[in-house]
Amino acid sequence: MNELQALLNDALLRTKHVENGAIIDIKQQKVCASTSGFNVPPDDALNLIYAFHQNLLQVRRGGLFFKEKHYKSVRADKHSIYLQNPDRGLIVVKTKTFILVATYKGDMYPSVCVEAVEKL
């Protein structure tokens, strides 16, 4: 297990505010760490990168497809996107080097989930 993997498990999942998470390396355009059993397909990783660099307004208006499900945008700015569908929430946070994506169950309190991801 690499350091990023350990960080996801220890600093994010341990909070119990999110279900799963992954870290995407923006430059390499691939997932470099993810929680156990959480597979982010390469196309979804690229879509998340693209959403921040050229498509944020469209994400705000139309939402985003992730793992073959549509998520409606609740909040989007240049560093984070918060989306929901009836079953799940999706939080995406961008730094200079990485994009962190995390999911949480629909019955969780969204702002607590967003805060947990943004702190990581």
C-alpha atoms as a PDB file:
ATOM      1  CA  MET A   1       0.000   0.000   0.000  1.00  0.00           C
ATOM      2  CA  ASN A   2       1.448   3.376  -0.968  1.00  0.00           C
ATOM      3  CA  GLU A   3       1.274   6.573   1.092  1.00  0.00           C
ATOM      4  CA  LEU A   4      -1.685   7.986  -0.844  1.00  0.00           C
ATOM      5  CA  GLN A   5      -3.592   4.753  -0.335  1.00  0.00           C
ATOM      6  CA  ALA A   6      -2.888   4.889   3.389  1.00  0.00           C
ATOM      7  CA  LEU A   7      -3.981   8.535   3.489  1.00  0.00           C
ATOM      8  CA  LEU A   8      -7.313   7.673   1.870  1.00  0.00           C
ATOM      9  CA  ASN A   9      -7.951   4.867   4.302  1.00  0.00           C
ATOM     10  CA  ASP A  10      -6.699   6.544   7.466  1.00  0.00           C
ATOM     11  CA  ALA A  11      -7.697  10.173   6.964  1.00  0.00           C
ATOM     12  CA  LEU A  12     -10.852   9.840   4.890  1.00  0.00           C
ATOM     13  CA  LEU A  13     -12.608   6.511   5.379  1.00  0.00           C
ATOM     14  CA  ARG A  14     -11.956   6.500   9.085  1.00  0.00           C
ATOM     15  CA  THR A  15     -14.193   9.588   9.391  1.00  0.00           C
ATOM     16  CA  LYS A  16     -17.090   7.390   8.201  1.00  0.00           C
ATOM     17  CA  HIS A  17     -18.438  10.406   6.312  1.00  0.00           C
ATOM     18  CA  VAL A  18     -17.597   8.927   2.915  1.00  0.00           C
ATOM     19  CA  GLU A  19     -17.891   5.439   1.445  1.00  0.00           C
ATOM     20  CA  ASN A  20     -15.123   5.336  -1.114  1.00  0.00           C
ATOM     21  CA  GLY A  21     -12.444   7.540  -2.547  1.00  0.00           C
ATOM     22  CA  ALA A  22      -9.766   7.784  -5.190  1.00  0.00           C
ATOM     23  CA  ILE A  23      -6.903  10.117  -6.008  1.00  0.00           C
ATOM     24  CA  ILE A  24      -6.273  10.955  -9.655  1.00  0.00           C
ATOM     25  CA  ASP A  25      -2.917  12.305 -10.786  1.00  0.00           C
ATOM     26  CA  ILE A  26      -3.761  15.186 -13.132  1.00  0.00           C
ATOM     27  CA  LYS A  27      -0.470  15.176 -15.064  1.00  0.00           C
ATOM     28  CA  GLN A  28      -0.414  11.406 -15.582  1.00  0.00           C
ATOM     29  CA  GLN A  29      -4.202  11.364 -16.112  1.00  0.00           C
ATOM     30  CA  LYS A  30      -4.731   8.205 -14.112  1.00  0.00           C
ATOM     31  CA  VAL A  31      -5.831   6.944 -10.721  1.00  0.00           C
ATOM     32  CA  CYS A  32      -2.848   6.622  -8.415  1.00  0.00           C
ATOM     33  CA  ALA A  33      -4.683   5.422  -5.288  1.00  0.00           C
ATOM     34  CA  SER A  34      -8.163   4.251  -4.372  1.00  0.00           C
ATOM     35  CA  THR A  35      -9.962   2.635  -1.497  1.00  0.00           C
ATOM     36  CA  SER A  36     -10.503  -1.098  -1.577  1.00  0.00           C
ATOM     37  CA  GLY A  37     -12.960  -2.164  -4.268  1.00  0.00           C
ATOM     38  CA  PHE A  38     -13.451   1.363  -5.670  1.00  0.00           C
ATOM     39  CA  ASN A  39     -12.499   1.249  -9.313  1.00  0.00           C
ATOM     40  CA  VAL A  40     -12.553   4.519 -11.235  1.00  0.00           C
ATOM     41  CA  PRO A  41     -12.542   3.707 -14.955  1.00  0.00           C
ATOM     42  CA  PRO A  42      -9.958   5.636 -17.023  1.00  0.00           C
ATOM     43  CA  ASP A  43     -12.691   7.457 -18.964  1.00  0.00           C
ATOM     44  CA  ASP A  44     -14.276   8.681 -15.722  1.00  0.00           C
ATOM     45  CA  ALA A  45     -10.898   9.881 -14.450  1.00  0.00           C
ATOM     46  CA  LEU A  46     -10.390  11.859 -17.656  1.00  0.00           C
ATOM     47  CA  ASN A  47     -13.919  13.296 -17.437  1.00  0.00           C
ATOM     48  CA  LEU A  48     -13.235  14.559 -13.916  1.00  0.00           C
ATOM     49  CA  ILE A  49     -10.011  16.212 -15.039  1.00  0.00           C
ATOM     50  CA  TYR A  50     -11.767  17.727 -18.054  1.00  0.00           C
ATOM     51  CA  ALA A  51     -14.629  19.006 -15.882  1.00  0.00           C
ATOM     52  CA  PHE A  52     -12.248  21.308 -14.011  1.00  0.00           C
ATOM     53  CA  HIS A  53     -10.104  22.441 -16.896  1.00  0.00           C
ATOM     54  CA  GLN A  54     -12.593  23.214 -19.628  1.00  0.00           C
ATOM     55  CA  ASN A  55     -16.088  22.179 -18.730  1.00  0.00           C
ATOM     56  CA  LEU A  56     -17.009  23.507 -15.259  1.00  0.00           C
ATOM     57  CA  LEU A  57     -19.890  25.704 -16.464  1.00  0.00           C
ATOM     58  CA  GLN A  58     -21.440  22.743 -18.254  1.00  0.00           C
ATOM     59  CA  VAL A  59     -21.067  20.604 -15.113  1.00  0.00           C
ATOM     60  CA  ARG A  60     -22.813  23.316 -13.087  1.00  0.00           C
ATOM     61  CA  ARG A  61     -25.728  23.315 -15.507  1.00  0.00           C
ATOM     62  CA  GLY A  62     -26.047  19.703 -16.563  1.00  0.00           C
ATOM     63  CA  GLY A  63     -24.326  17.634 -13.926  1.00  0.00           C
ATOM     64  CA  LEU A  64     -21.886  14.833 -14.590  1.00  0.00           C
ATOM     65  CA  PHE A  65     -21.888  11.152 -15.459  1.00  0.00           C
ATOM     66  CA  PHE A  66     -19.703   9.038 -13.186  1.00  0.00           C
ATOM     67  CA  LYS A  67     -19.578   5.245 -13.252  1.00  0.00           C
ATOM     68  CA  GLU A  68     -22.583   5.181 -15.613  1.00  0.00           C
ATOM     69  CA  LYS A  69     -24.822   7.232 -13.300  1.00  0.00           C
ATOM     70  CA  HIS A  70     -25.925  10.825 -13.659  1.00  0.00           C
ATOM     71  CA  TYR A  71     -25.210  13.214 -10.807  1.00  0.00           C
ATOM     72  CA  LYS A  72     -26.850  16.641 -10.555  1.00  0.00           C
ATOM     73  CA  SER A  73     -24.556  19.524  -9.636  1.00  0.00           C
ATOM     74  CA  VAL A  74     -25.325  21.103  -6.286  1.00  0.00           C
ATOM     75  CA  ARG A  75     -22.211  23.271  -6.034  1.00  0.00           C
ATOM     76  CA  ALA A  76     -19.253  23.864  -8.321  1.00  0.00           C
ATOM     77  CA  ASP A  77     -16.316  26.234  -8.158  1.00  0.00           C
ATOM     78  CA  LYS A  78     -12.769  26.170  -9.488  1.00  0.00           C
ATOM     79  CA  HIS A  79     -11.597  23.811  -6.717  1.00  0.00           C
ATOM     80  CA  SER A  80     -14.566  21.575  -5.925  1.00  0.00           C
ATOM     81  CA  ILE A  81     -17.700  20.010  -7.349  1.00  0.00           C
ATOM     82  CA  TYR A  82     -20.463  18.594  -5.208  1.00  0.00           C
ATOM     83  CA  LEU A  83     -23.032  16.406  -6.976  1.00  0.00           C
ATOM     84  CA  GLN A  84     -25.935  14.159  -6.003  1.00  0.00           C
ATOM     85  CA  ASN A  85     -28.282  11.572  -7.407  1.00  0.00           C
ATOM     86  CA  PRO A  86     -31.158   9.934  -5.489  1.00  0.00           C
ATOM     87  CA  ASP A  87     -28.888   7.253  -3.988  1.00  0.00           C
ATOM     88  CA  ARG A  88     -25.466   8.810  -3.618  1.00  0.00           C
ATOM     89  CA  GLY A  89     -23.427  11.943  -3.389  1.00  0.00           C
ATOM     90  CA  LEU A  90     -20.190  12.627  -5.194  1.00  0.00           C
ATOM     91  CA  ILE A  91     -17.532  15.090  -4.095  1.00  0.00           C
ATOM     92  CA  VAL A  92     -14.661  16.089  -6.351  1.00  0.00           C
ATOM     93  CA  VAL A  93     -11.845  18.332  -5.107  1.00  0.00           C
ATOM     94  CA  LYS A  94      -8.942  19.597  -7.234  1.00  0.00           C
ATOM     95  CA  THR A  95      -5.466  20.633  -6.115  1.00  0.00           C
ATOM     96  CA  LYS A  96      -2.571  21.602  -8.376  1.00  0.00           C
ATOM     97  CA  THR A  97      -1.448  17.980  -8.672  1.00  0.00           C
ATOM     98  CA  PHE A  98      -4.414  15.750  -7.840  1.00  0.00           C
ATOM     99  CA  ILE A  99      -8.140  15.332  -8.044  1.00  0.00           C
ATOM    100  CA  LEU A 100      -9.798  13.586  -5.132  1.00  0.00           C
ATOM    101  CA  VAL A 101     -13.159  11.950  -5.773  1.00  0.00           C
ATOM    102  CA  ALA A 102     -15.270  10.490  -2.986  1.00  0.00           C
ATOM    103  CA  THR A 103     -18.741   8.981  -2.735  1.00  0.00           C
ATOM    104  CA  TYR A 104     -21.171   8.922   0.149  1.00  0.00           C
ATOM    105  CA  LYS A 105     -24.630   7.495   0.734  1.00  0.00           C
ATOM    106  CA  GLY A 106     -27.598   9.721   0.047  1.00  0.00           C
ATOM    107  CA  ASP A 107     -28.680   9.728   3.689  1.00  0.00           C
ATOM    108  CA  MET A 108     -25.425  11.303   4.917  1.00  0.00           C
ATOM    109  CA  TYR A 109     -25.332  15.002   5.728  1.00  0.00           C
ATOM    110  CA  PRO A 110     -23.665  16.480   2.601  1.00  0.00           C
ATOM    111  CA  SER A 111     -21.716  19.366   4.112  1.00  0.00           C
ATOM    112  CA  VAL A 112     -19.958  17.026   6.554  1.00  0.00           C
ATOM    113  CA  CYS A 113     -18.871  14.809   3.639  1.00  0.00           C
ATOM    114  CA  VAL A 114     -17.639  17.792   1.646  1.00  0.00           C
ATOM    115  CA  GLU A 115     -15.692  19.069   4.656  1.00  0.00           C
ATOM    116  CA  ALA A 116     -14.037  15.664   5.230  1.00  0.00           C
ATOM    117  CA  VAL A 117     -12.848  15.506   1.621  1.00  0.00           C
ATOM    118  CA  GLU A 118     -11.684  19.109   1.501  1.00  0.00           C
ATOM    119  CA  LYS A 119      -9.647  18.638   4.712  1.00  0.00           C
ATOM    120  CA  LEU A 120      -7.872  15.635   3.195  1.00  0.00           C
END
